[in-house]
Full PDB file with SEQRES, HELIX, SHEET, SSBOND, CRYST1, ORIGX, SCALE, CONECT and MASTER records, all heavy atoms in Angstrom:
SEQRES   1 A   37  TYR LEU GLY LYS VAL LEU GLY LYS GLU PRO ILE ASP LYS          
SEQRES   2 A   37  GLN ILE GLY GLN PHE ILE SER GLY ALA GLY HIS ALA ASN          
SEQRES   3 A   37  ILE MET THR MET CYS ILE ILE TYR LEU LEU ALA                  
HELIX    1 AA1 LEU A    2  LEU A    6  1                                   5    
HELIX    2 AA2 ILE A   11  ALA A   22  1                                  12    
HELIX    3 AA3 ALA A   25  LEU A   36  1                                  12    
CRYST1    1.000    1.000    1.000  90.00  90.00  90.00 P 1           1          
ORIGX1      1.000000  0.000000  0.000000        0.00000                         
ORIGX2      0.000000  1.000000  0.000000        0.00000                         
ORIGX3      0.000000  0.000000  1.000000        0.00000                         
SCALE1      1.000000  0.000000  0.000000        0.00000                         
SCALE2      0.000000  1.000000  0.000000        0.00000                         
SCALE3      0.000000  0.000000  1.000000        0.00000                         
ATOM      1  N   TYR A   1     -60.392  74.470  34.907  1.00  0.00           N  
ATOM      2  CA  TYR A   1     -61.199  73.408  35.552  1.00  0.00           C  
ATOM      3  C   TYR A   1     -60.420  72.779  36.822  1.00  0.00           C  
ATOM      4  O   TYR A   1     -60.997  72.626  37.822  1.00  0.00           O  
ATOM      5  CB  TYR A   1     -61.572  72.333  34.390  1.00  0.00           C  
ATOM      6  CG  TYR A   1     -62.175  71.142  35.228  1.00  0.00           C  
ATOM      7  CD1 TYR A   1     -63.625  71.143  35.483  1.00  0.00           C  
ATOM      8  CD2 TYR A   1     -61.403  69.930  35.416  1.00  0.00           C  
ATOM      9  CE1 TYR A   1     -64.123  70.063  36.107  1.00  0.00           C  
ATOM     10  CE2 TYR A   1     -62.056  68.832  35.935  1.00  0.00           C  
ATOM     11  CZ  TYR A   1     -63.387  68.895  36.400  1.00  0.00           C  
ATOM     12  OH  TYR A   1     -63.936  67.702  36.903  1.00  0.00           O  
ATOM     13  N   LEU A   2     -59.126  72.571  36.579  1.00  0.00           N  
ATOM     14  CA  LEU A   2     -58.346  72.056  37.667  1.00  0.00           C  
ATOM     15  C   LEU A   2     -58.301  73.044  38.746  1.00  0.00           C  
ATOM     16  O   LEU A   2     -58.260  72.694  39.922  1.00  0.00           O  
ATOM     17  CB  LEU A   2     -56.890  71.679  37.181  1.00  0.00           C  
ATOM     18  CG  LEU A   2     -56.862  70.430  36.263  1.00  0.00           C  
ATOM     19  CD1 LEU A   2     -55.402  70.353  35.818  1.00  0.00           C  
ATOM     20  CD2 LEU A   2     -57.314  69.179  36.980  1.00  0.00           C  
ATOM     21  N   GLY A   3     -58.204  74.311  38.421  1.00  0.00           N  
ATOM     22  CA  GLY A   3     -58.187  75.326  39.502  1.00  0.00           C  
ATOM     23  C   GLY A   3     -59.353  75.398  40.291  1.00  0.00           C  
ATOM     24  O   GLY A   3     -59.309  75.544  41.489  1.00  0.00           O  
ATOM     25  N   LYS A   4     -60.500  75.030  39.637  1.00  0.00           N  
ATOM     26  CA  LYS A   4     -61.804  75.072  40.325  1.00  0.00           C  
ATOM     27  C   LYS A   4     -61.998  73.826  41.294  1.00  0.00           C  
ATOM     28  O   LYS A   4     -62.359  73.867  42.442  1.00  0.00           O  
ATOM     29  CB  LYS A   4     -62.924  75.030  39.285  1.00  0.00           C  
ATOM     30  CG  LYS A   4     -64.321  75.048  39.871  1.00  0.00           C  
ATOM     31  CD  LYS A   4     -64.614  76.414  40.339  1.00  0.00           C  
ATOM     32  CE  LYS A   4     -66.109  76.488  40.820  1.00  0.00           C  
ATOM     33  NZ  LYS A   4     -66.453  77.841  41.295  1.00  0.00           N  
ATOM     34  N   VAL A   5     -61.267  72.680  40.778  1.00  0.00           N  
ATOM     35  CA  VAL A   5     -61.382  71.434  41.598  1.00  0.00           C  
ATOM     36  C   VAL A   5     -60.189  71.482  42.595  1.00  0.00           C  
ATOM     37  O   VAL A   5     -60.542  70.975  43.786  1.00  0.00           O  
ATOM     38  CB  VAL A   5     -61.144  70.250  40.588  1.00  0.00           C  
ATOM     39  CG1 VAL A   5     -61.013  68.909  41.342  1.00  0.00           C  
ATOM     40  CG2 VAL A   5     -62.370  70.168  39.582  1.00  0.00           C  
ATOM     41  N   LEU A   6     -58.969  71.736  42.180  1.00  0.00           N  
ATOM     42  CA  LEU A   6     -57.911  71.564  43.122  1.00  0.00           C  
ATOM     43  C   LEU A   6     -57.895  72.782  44.120  1.00  0.00           C  
ATOM     44  O   LEU A   6     -57.585  72.617  45.320  1.00  0.00           O  
ATOM     45  CB  LEU A   6     -56.581  71.419  42.399  1.00  0.00           C  
ATOM     46  CG  LEU A   6     -56.433  70.306  41.560  1.00  0.00           C  
ATOM     47  CD1 LEU A   6     -55.143  70.368  40.720  1.00  0.00           C  
ATOM     48  CD2 LEU A   6     -56.454  69.008  42.291  1.00  0.00           C  
ATOM     49  N   GLY A   7     -58.017  73.989  43.684  1.00  0.00           N  
ATOM     50  CA  GLY A   7     -57.776  75.126  44.488  1.00  0.00           C  
ATOM     51  C   GLY A   7     -59.019  75.754  44.987  1.00  0.00           C  
ATOM     52  O   GLY A   7     -59.111  76.710  45.782  1.00  0.00           O  
ATOM     53  N   LYS A   8     -60.180  75.258  44.564  1.00  0.00           N  
ATOM     54  CA  LYS A   8     -61.517  75.839  45.011  1.00  0.00           C  
ATOM     55  C   LYS A   8     -61.596  77.354  44.721  1.00  0.00           C  
ATOM     56  O   LYS A   8     -62.060  78.067  45.355  1.00  0.00           O  
ATOM     57  CB  LYS A   8     -61.816  75.562  46.419  1.00  0.00           C  
ATOM     58  CG  LYS A   8     -61.625  74.181  46.818  1.00  0.00           C  
ATOM     59  CD  LYS A   8     -62.666  73.229  46.254  1.00  0.00           C  
ATOM     60  CE  LYS A   8     -62.488  71.812  46.494  1.00  0.00           C  
ATOM     61  NZ  LYS A   8     -63.406  70.950  45.903  1.00  0.00           N  
ATOM     62  N   GLU A   9     -60.959  77.739  43.582  1.00  0.00           N  
ATOM     63  CA  GLU A   9     -60.814  79.160  43.289  1.00  0.00           C  
ATOM     64  C   GLU A   9     -61.952  79.557  42.255  1.00  0.00           C  
ATOM     65  O   GLU A   9     -62.111  78.855  41.273  1.00  0.00           O  
ATOM     66  CB  GLU A   9     -59.352  79.549  42.735  1.00  0.00           C  
ATOM     67  CG  GLU A   9     -58.289  79.472  43.771  1.00  0.00           C  
ATOM     68  CD  GLU A   9     -57.006  80.006  43.288  1.00  0.00           C  
ATOM     69  OE1 GLU A   9     -56.867  79.982  42.035  1.00  0.00           O  
ATOM     70  OE2 GLU A   9     -56.081  80.301  44.155  1.00  0.00           O  
ATOM     71  N   PRO A  10     -62.568  80.624  42.510  1.00  0.00           N  
ATOM     72  CA  PRO A  10     -63.557  81.116  41.530  1.00  0.00           C  
ATOM     73  C   PRO A  10     -62.976  81.435  40.110  1.00  0.00           C  
ATOM     74  O   PRO A  10     -61.814  81.741  39.984  1.00  0.00           O  
ATOM     75  CB  PRO A  10     -64.217  82.405  42.185  1.00  0.00           C  
ATOM     76  CG  PRO A  10     -63.174  82.784  43.070  1.00  0.00           C  
ATOM     77  CD  PRO A  10     -62.399  81.601  43.515  1.00  0.00           C  
ATOM     78  N   ILE A  11     -63.866  81.296  39.073  1.00  0.00           N  
ATOM     79  CA  ILE A  11     -63.295  81.539  37.781  1.00  0.00           C  
ATOM     80  C   ILE A  11     -62.750  82.957  37.583  1.00  0.00           C  
ATOM     81  O   ILE A  11     -61.787  83.210  36.889  1.00  0.00           O  
ATOM     82  CB  ILE A  11     -64.491  81.208  36.715  1.00  0.00           C  
ATOM     83  CG1 ILE A  11     -64.715  79.667  36.795  1.00  0.00           C  
ATOM     84  CG2 ILE A  11     -64.080  81.681  35.341  1.00  0.00           C  
ATOM     85  CD1 ILE A  11     -65.886  79.260  35.768  1.00  0.00           C  
ATOM     86  N   ASP A  12     -63.472  83.845  38.129  1.00  0.00           N  
ATOM     87  CA  ASP A  12     -63.038  85.369  37.927  1.00  0.00           C  
ATOM     88  C   ASP A  12     -61.618  85.516  38.513  1.00  0.00           C  
ATOM     89  O   ASP A  12     -60.871  86.214  37.929  1.00  0.00           O  
ATOM     90  CB  ASP A  12     -63.986  86.185  38.788  1.00  0.00           C  
ATOM     91  CG  ASP A  12     -65.366  86.426  38.186  1.00  0.00           C  
ATOM     92  OD1 ASP A  12     -65.397  85.945  36.977  1.00  0.00           O  
ATOM     93  OD2 ASP A  12     -66.314  86.937  38.719  1.00  0.00           O  
ATOM     94  N   LYS A  13     -61.357  84.868  39.697  1.00  0.00           N  
ATOM     95  CA  LYS A  13     -59.911  84.922  40.148  1.00  0.00           C  
ATOM     96  C   LYS A  13     -59.005  84.301  39.342  1.00  0.00           C  
ATOM     97  O   LYS A  13     -57.801  84.842  39.030  1.00  0.00           O  
ATOM     98  CB  LYS A  13     -59.846  84.226  41.619  1.00  0.00           C  
ATOM     99  CG  LYS A  13     -58.565  84.493  42.227  1.00  0.00           C  
ATOM    100  CD  LYS A  13     -58.469  84.020  43.656  1.00  0.00           C  
ATOM    101  CE  LYS A  13     -57.162  84.134  44.290  1.00  0.00           C  
ATOM    102  NZ  LYS A  13     -57.251  83.650  45.668  1.00  0.00           N  
ATOM    103  N   GLN A  14     -59.282  83.177  38.664  1.00  0.00           N  
ATOM    104  CA  GLN A  14     -58.412  82.417  37.750  1.00  0.00           C  
ATOM    105  C   GLN A  14     -58.143  83.308  36.445  1.00  0.00           C  
ATOM    106  O   GLN A  14     -57.072  83.198  35.947  1.00  0.00           O  
ATOM    107  CB  GLN A  14     -58.955  81.091  37.441  1.00  0.00           C  
ATOM    108  CG  GLN A  14     -58.815  80.040  38.625  1.00  0.00           C  
ATOM    109  CD  GLN A  14     -59.139  78.717  38.213  1.00  0.00           C  
ATOM    110  OE1 GLN A  14     -58.414  78.115  37.454  1.00  0.00           O  
ATOM    111  NE2 GLN A  14     -60.409  78.274  38.621  1.00  0.00           N  
ATOM    112  N   ILE A  15     -59.218  83.873  35.984  1.00  0.00           N  
ATOM    113  CA  ILE A  15     -59.135  84.727  34.824  1.00  0.00           C  
ATOM    114  C   ILE A  15     -58.192  85.836  35.049  1.00  0.00           C  
ATOM    115  O   ILE A  15     -57.244  86.240  34.268  1.00  0.00           O  
ATOM    116  CB  ILE A  15     -60.402  85.187  34.258  1.00  0.00           C  
ATOM    117  CG1 ILE A  15     -61.187  84.006  33.755  1.00  0.00           C  
ATOM    118  CG2 ILE A  15     -60.151  86.312  33.238  1.00  0.00           C  
ATOM    119  CD1 ILE A  15     -62.597  84.404  33.392  1.00  0.00           C  
ATOM    120  N   GLY A  16     -58.102  86.342  36.343  1.00  0.00           N  
ATOM    121  CA  GLY A  16     -57.245  87.423  36.742  1.00  0.00           C  
ATOM    122  C   GLY A  16     -55.819  86.916  36.649  1.00  0.00           C  
ATOM    123  O   GLY A  16     -54.943  87.795  36.349  1.00  0.00           O  
ATOM    124  N   GLN A  17     -55.525  85.778  37.292  1.00  0.00           N  
ATOM    125  CA  GLN A  17     -54.267  85.216  37.280  1.00  0.00           C  
ATOM    126  C   GLN A  17     -53.728  84.969  35.785  1.00  0.00           C  
ATOM    127  O   GLN A  17     -52.611  85.283  35.612  1.00  0.00           O  
ATOM    128  CB  GLN A  17     -54.234  83.863  37.925  1.00  0.00           C  
ATOM    129  CG  GLN A  17     -54.570  83.980  39.519  1.00  0.00           C  
ATOM    130  CD  GLN A  17     -54.961  82.595  40.089  1.00  0.00           C  
ATOM    131  OE1 GLN A  17     -54.965  81.557  39.485  1.00  0.00           O  
ATOM    132  NE2 GLN A  17     -55.284  82.513  41.392  1.00  0.00           N  
ATOM    133  N   PHE A  18     -54.579  84.438  34.999  1.00  0.00           N  
ATOM    134  CA  PHE A  18     -54.248  84.301  33.534  1.00  0.00           C  
ATOM    135  C   PHE A  18     -53.806  85.674  32.876  1.00  0.00           C  
ATOM    136  O   PHE A  18     -52.736  85.640  32.215  1.00  0.00           O  
ATOM    137  CB  PHE A  18     -55.373  83.571  32.845  1.00  0.00           C  
ATOM    138  CG  PHE A  18     -55.177  83.389  31.323  1.00  0.00           C  
ATOM    139  CD1 PHE A  18     -54.602  82.229  30.985  1.00  0.00           C  
ATOM    140  CD2 PHE A  18     -55.574  84.286  30.399  1.00  0.00           C  
ATOM    141  CE1 PHE A  18     -54.273  82.054  29.582  1.00  0.00           C  
ATOM    142  CE2 PHE A  18     -55.266  84.142  29.042  1.00  0.00           C  
ATOM    143  CZ  PHE A  18     -54.678  82.999  28.721  1.00  0.00           C  
ATOM    144  N   ILE A  19     -54.618  86.517  33.159  1.00  0.00           N  
ATOM    145  CA  ILE A  19     -54.147  87.872  32.426  1.00  0.00           C  
ATOM    146  C   ILE A  19     -52.953  88.484  33.066  1.00  0.00           C  
ATOM    147  O   ILE A  19     -52.091  88.980  32.290  1.00  0.00           O  
ATOM    148  CB  ILE A  19     -55.421  88.843  32.713  1.00  0.00           C  
ATOM    149  CG1 ILE A  19     -56.703  88.423  31.985  1.00  0.00           C  
ATOM    150  CG2 ILE A  19     -54.998  90.374  32.363  1.00  0.00           C  
ATOM    151  CD1 ILE A  19     -57.953  89.218  32.215  1.00  0.00           C  
ATOM    152  N   SER A  20     -52.713  88.273  34.517  1.00  0.00           N  
ATOM    153  CA  SER A  20     -51.537  88.642  35.036  1.00  0.00           C  
ATOM    154  C   SER A  20     -50.325  87.916  34.368  1.00  0.00           C  
ATOM    155  O   SER A  20     -49.331  88.608  34.191  1.00  0.00           O  
ATOM    156  CB  SER A  20     -51.579  88.332  36.498  1.00  0.00           C  
ATOM    157  OG  SER A  20     -50.319  88.633  37.090  1.00  0.00           O  
ATOM    158  N   GLY A  21     -50.473  86.711  34.248  1.00  0.00           N  
ATOM    159  CA  GLY A  21     -49.259  85.908  33.599  1.00  0.00           C  
ATOM    160  C   GLY A  21     -49.052  86.312  32.081  1.00  0.00           C  
ATOM    161  O   GLY A  21     -47.934  86.551  31.656  1.00  0.00           O  
ATOM    162  N   ALA A  22     -50.230  86.483  31.460  1.00  0.00           N  
ATOM    163  CA  ALA A  22     -50.025  86.887  29.980  1.00  0.00           C  
ATOM    164  C   ALA A  22     -49.580  88.276  29.817  1.00  0.00           C  
ATOM    165  O   ALA A  22     -48.787  88.611  28.902  1.00  0.00           O  
ATOM    166  CB  ALA A  22     -51.417  86.926  29.277  1.00  0.00           C  
ATOM    167  N   GLY A  23     -49.712  89.182  30.881  1.00  0.00           N  
ATOM    168  CA  GLY A  23     -49.316  90.559  30.805  1.00  0.00           C  
ATOM    169  C   GLY A  23     -48.004  90.824  31.506  1.00  0.00           C  
ATOM    170  O   GLY A  23     -47.638  91.924  31.710  1.00  0.00           O  
ATOM    171  N   HIS A  24     -47.350  89.782  31.918  1.00  0.00           N  
ATOM    172  CA  HIS A  24     -46.045  89.733  32.574  1.00  0.00           C  
ATOM    173  C   HIS A  24     -45.062  90.639  31.789  1.00  0.00           C  
ATOM    174  O   HIS A  24     -45.124  90.516  30.614  1.00  0.00           O  
ATOM    175  CB  HIS A  24     -45.332  88.611  33.033  1.00  0.00           C  
ATOM    176  CG  HIS A  24     -44.184  88.582  33.910  1.00  0.00           C  
ATOM    177  ND1 HIS A  24     -43.016  88.685  33.508  1.00  0.00           N  
ATOM    178  CD2 HIS A  24     -44.219  88.630  35.316  1.00  0.00           C  
ATOM    179  CE1 HIS A  24     -42.090  88.727  34.438  1.00  0.00           C  
ATOM    180  NE2 HIS A  24     -42.838  88.760  35.625  1.00  0.00           N  
ATOM    181  N   ALA A  25     -44.263  91.362  32.369  1.00  0.00           N  
ATOM    182  CA  ALA A  25     -43.261  92.269  31.663  1.00  0.00           C  
ATOM    183  C   ALA A  25     -42.367  91.429  30.618  1.00  0.00           C  
ATOM    184  O   ALA A  25     -42.175  91.911  29.414  1.00  0.00           O  
ATOM    185  CB  ALA A  25     -42.349  93.106  32.531  1.00  0.00           C  
ATOM    186  N   ASN A  26     -41.969  90.325  30.981  1.00  0.00           N  
ATOM    187  CA  ASN A  26     -41.085  89.514  30.121  1.00  0.00           C  
ATOM    188  C   ASN A  26     -41.947  89.061  28.843  1.00  0.00           C  
ATOM    189  O   ASN A  26     -41.391  89.042  27.792  1.00  0.00           O  
ATOM    190  CB  ASN A  26     -40.524  88.313  30.842  1.00  0.00           C  
ATOM    191  CG  ASN A  26     -39.452  88.689  31.796  1.00  0.00           C  
ATOM    192  OD1 ASN A  26     -38.495  89.488  31.474  1.00  0.00           O  
ATOM    193  ND2 ASN A  26     -39.635  88.229  33.049  1.00  0.00           N  
ATOM    194  N   ILE A  27     -43.252  88.631  29.162  1.00  0.00           N  
ATOM    195  CA  ILE A  27     -44.057  88.233  28.067  1.00  0.00           C  
ATOM    196  C   ILE A  27     -44.237  89.280  27.085  1.00  0.00           C  
ATOM    197  O   ILE A  27     -44.074  89.169  25.715  1.00  0.00           O  
ATOM    198  CB  ILE A  27     -45.375  87.676  28.512  1.00  0.00           C  
ATOM    199  CG1 ILE A  27     -45.064  86.369  29.431  1.00  0.00           C  
ATOM    200  CG2 ILE A  27     -46.188  87.219  27.392  1.00  0.00           C  
ATOM    201  CD1 ILE A  27     -44.455  85.351  28.710  1.00  0.00           C  
ATOM    202  N   MET A  28     -44.580  90.624  27.592  1.00  0.00           N  
ATOM    203  CA  MET A  28     -44.924  91.643  26.800  1.00  0.00           C  
ATOM    204  C   MET A  28     -43.709  92.196  25.993  1.00  0.00           C  
ATOM    205  O   MET A  28     -43.698  92.533  24.815  1.00  0.00           O  
ATOM    206  CB  MET A  28     -45.571  92.762  27.644  1.00  0.00           C  
ATOM    207  CG  MET A  28     -46.818  92.443  28.240  1.00  0.00           C  
ATOM    208  SD  MET A  28     -47.961  91.729  27.018  1.00  0.00           S  
ATOM    209  CE  MET A  28     -48.218  93.074  25.887  1.00  0.00           C  
ATOM    210  N   THR A  29     -42.515  92.158  26.650  1.00  0.00           N  
ATOM    211  CA  THR A  29     -41.405  92.431  26.065  1.00  0.00           C  
ATOM    212  C   THR A  29     -41.013  91.601  24.798  1.00  0.00           C  
ATOM    213  O   THR A  29     -40.750  91.976  23.719  1.00  0.00           O  
ATOM    214  CB  THR A  29     -40.066  92.338  27.102  1.00  0.00           C  
ATOM    215  OG1 THR A  29     -40.236  93.346  28.081  1.00  0.00           O  
ATOM    216  CG2 THR A  29     -38.750  92.636  26.323  1.00  0.00           C  
ATOM    217  N   MET A  30     -41.173  90.265  25.056  1.00  0.00           N  
ATOM    218  CA  MET A  30     -41.043  89.291  23.893  1.00  0.00           C  
ATOM    219  C   MET A  30     -41.970  89.548  22.740  1.00  0.00           C  
ATOM    220  O   MET A  30     -41.635  89.366  21.641  1.00  0.00           O  
ATOM    221  CB  MET A  30     -41.162  87.795  24.454  1.00  0.00           C  
ATOM    222  CG  MET A  30     -40.899  86.784  23.503  1.00  0.00           C  
ATOM    223  SD  MET A  30     -40.888  85.230  24.327  1.00  0.00           S  
ATOM    224  CE  MET A  30     -42.404  85.092  25.170  1.00  0.00           C  
ATOM    225  N   CYS A  31     -43.197  89.875  23.131  1.00  0.00           N  
ATOM    226  CA  CYS A  31     -44.270  89.970  22.050  1.00  0.00           C  
ATOM    227  C   CYS A  31     -43.813  91.272  21.199  1.00  0.00           C  
ATOM    228  O   CYS A  31     -44.080  91.274  20.053  1.00  0.00           O  
ATOM    229  CB  CYS A  31     -45.549  90.230  22.742  1.00  0.00           C  
ATOM    230  SG  CYS A  31     -46.219  88.638  23.260  1.00  0.00           S  
ATOM    231  N   ILE A  32     -43.436  92.367  21.845  1.00  0.00           N  
ATOM    232  CA  ILE A  32     -43.056  93.514  21.040  1.00  0.00           C  
ATOM    233  C   ILE A  32     -41.854  93.278  20.262  1.00  0.00           C  
ATOM    234  O   ILE A  32     -41.781  93.738  19.096  1.00  0.00           O  
ATOM    235  CB  ILE A  32     -42.799  94.731  22.073  1.00  0.00           C  
ATOM    236  CG1 ILE A  32     -44.117  95.072  22.822  1.00  0.00           C  
ATOM    237  CG2 ILE A  32     -42.245  95.971  21.416  1.00  0.00           C  
ATOM    238  CD1 ILE A  32     -43.934  96.092  23.929  1.00  0.00           C  
ATOM    239  N   ILE A  33     -40.944  92.526  20.709  1.00  0.00           N  
ATOM    240  CA  ILE A  33     -39.731  92.096  19.942  1.00  0.00           C  
ATOM    241  C   ILE A  33     -40.226  91.314  18.651  1.00  0.00           C  
ATOM    242  O   ILE A  33     -39.728  91.590  17.580  1.00  0.00           O  
ATOM    243  CB  ILE A  33     -38.664  91.296  20.736  1.00  0.00           C  
ATOM    244  CG1 ILE A  33     -38.053  92.161  21.799  1.00  0.00           C  
ATOM    245  CG2 ILE A  33     -37.761  90.686  19.795  1.00  0.00           C  
ATOM    246  CD1 ILE A  33     -37.111  91.338  22.728  1.00  0.00           C  
ATOM    247  N   TYR A  34     -41.214  90.504  18.973  1.00  0.00           N  
ATOM    248  CA  TYR A  34     -41.810  89.767  17.731  1.00  0.00           C  
ATOM    249  C   TYR A  34     -42.243  90.721  16.766  1.00  0.00           C  
ATOM    250  O   TYR A  34     -41.874  90.601  15.470  1.00  0.00           O  
ATOM    251  CB  TYR A  34     -42.861  88.872  18.280  1.00  0.00           C  
ATOM    252  CG  TYR A  34     -42.676  87.651  19.050  1.00  0.00           C  
ATOM    253  CD1 TYR A  34     -43.581  87.209  19.931  1.00  0.00           C  
ATOM    254  CD2 TYR A  34     -41.408  87.100  18.994  1.00  0.00           C  
ATOM    255  CE1 TYR A  34     -43.305  86.044  20.512  1.00  0.00           C  
ATOM    256  CE2 TYR A  34     -41.076  85.982  19.775  1.00  0.00           C  
ATOM    257  CZ  TYR A  34     -42.114  85.498  20.600  1.00  0.00           C  
ATOM    258  OH  TYR A  34     -41.770  84.400  21.332  1.00  0.00           O  
ATOM    259  N   LEU A  35     -43.074  91.726  17.225  1.00  0.00           N  
ATOM    260  CA  LEU A  35     -43.578  92.664  16.190  1.00  0.00           C  
ATOM    261  C   LEU A  35     -42.605  93.481  15.354  1.00  0.00           C  
ATOM    262  O   LEU A  35     -42.598  93.526  14.221  1.00  0.00           O  
ATOM    263  CB  LEU A  35     -44.531  93.662  16.886  1.00  0.00           C  
ATOM    264  CG  LEU A  35     -45.784  92.970  17.464  1.00  0.00           C  
ATOM    265  CD1 LEU A  35     -46.625  94.098  18.234  1.00  0.00           C  
ATOM    266  CD2 LEU A  35     -46.605  92.324  16.439  1.00  0.00           C  
ATOM    267  N   LEU A  36     -41.635  93.921  16.218  1.00  0.00           N  
ATOM    268  CA  LEU A  36     -40.608  94.727  15.635  1.00  0.00           C  
ATOM    269  C   LEU A  36     -39.615  93.981  14.670  1.00  0.00           C  
ATOM    270  O   LEU A  36     -39.263  94.339  13.546  1.00  0.00           O  
ATOM    271  CB  LEU A  36     -39.607  95.425  16.658  1.00  0.00           C  
ATOM    272  CG  LEU A  36     -40.331  96.563  17.443  1.00  0.00           C  
ATOM    273  CD1 LEU A  36     -39.421  96.982  18.603  1.00  0.00           C  
ATOM    274  CD2 LEU A  36     -40.693  97.711  16.611  1.00  0.00           C  
ATOM    275  N   ALA A  37     -39.284  92.723  15.124  1.00  0.00           N  
ATOM    276  CA  ALA A  37     -38.497  91.832  14.365  1.00  0.00           C  
ATOM    277  C   ALA A  37     -39.336  91.387  13.046  1.00  0.00           C  
ATOM    278  O   ALA A  37     -38.665  91.424  11.863  1.00  0.00           O  
ATOM    279  CB  ALA A  37     -38.297  90.451  14.988  1.00  0.00           C  
TER     280      ALA A  37                                                      
MASTER        0    0    0    3    0    0    0    6  279    1    0    3          
END                                                                             
């Protein structure tokens, strides 16, 4: 919602940003360590 208000960015673009952050190499590395651990 803030992205829509502050940045005037469409929801599709923000969802892409969210997925990019969630799929960052460090996040994915940590998640796989969780599973193996």
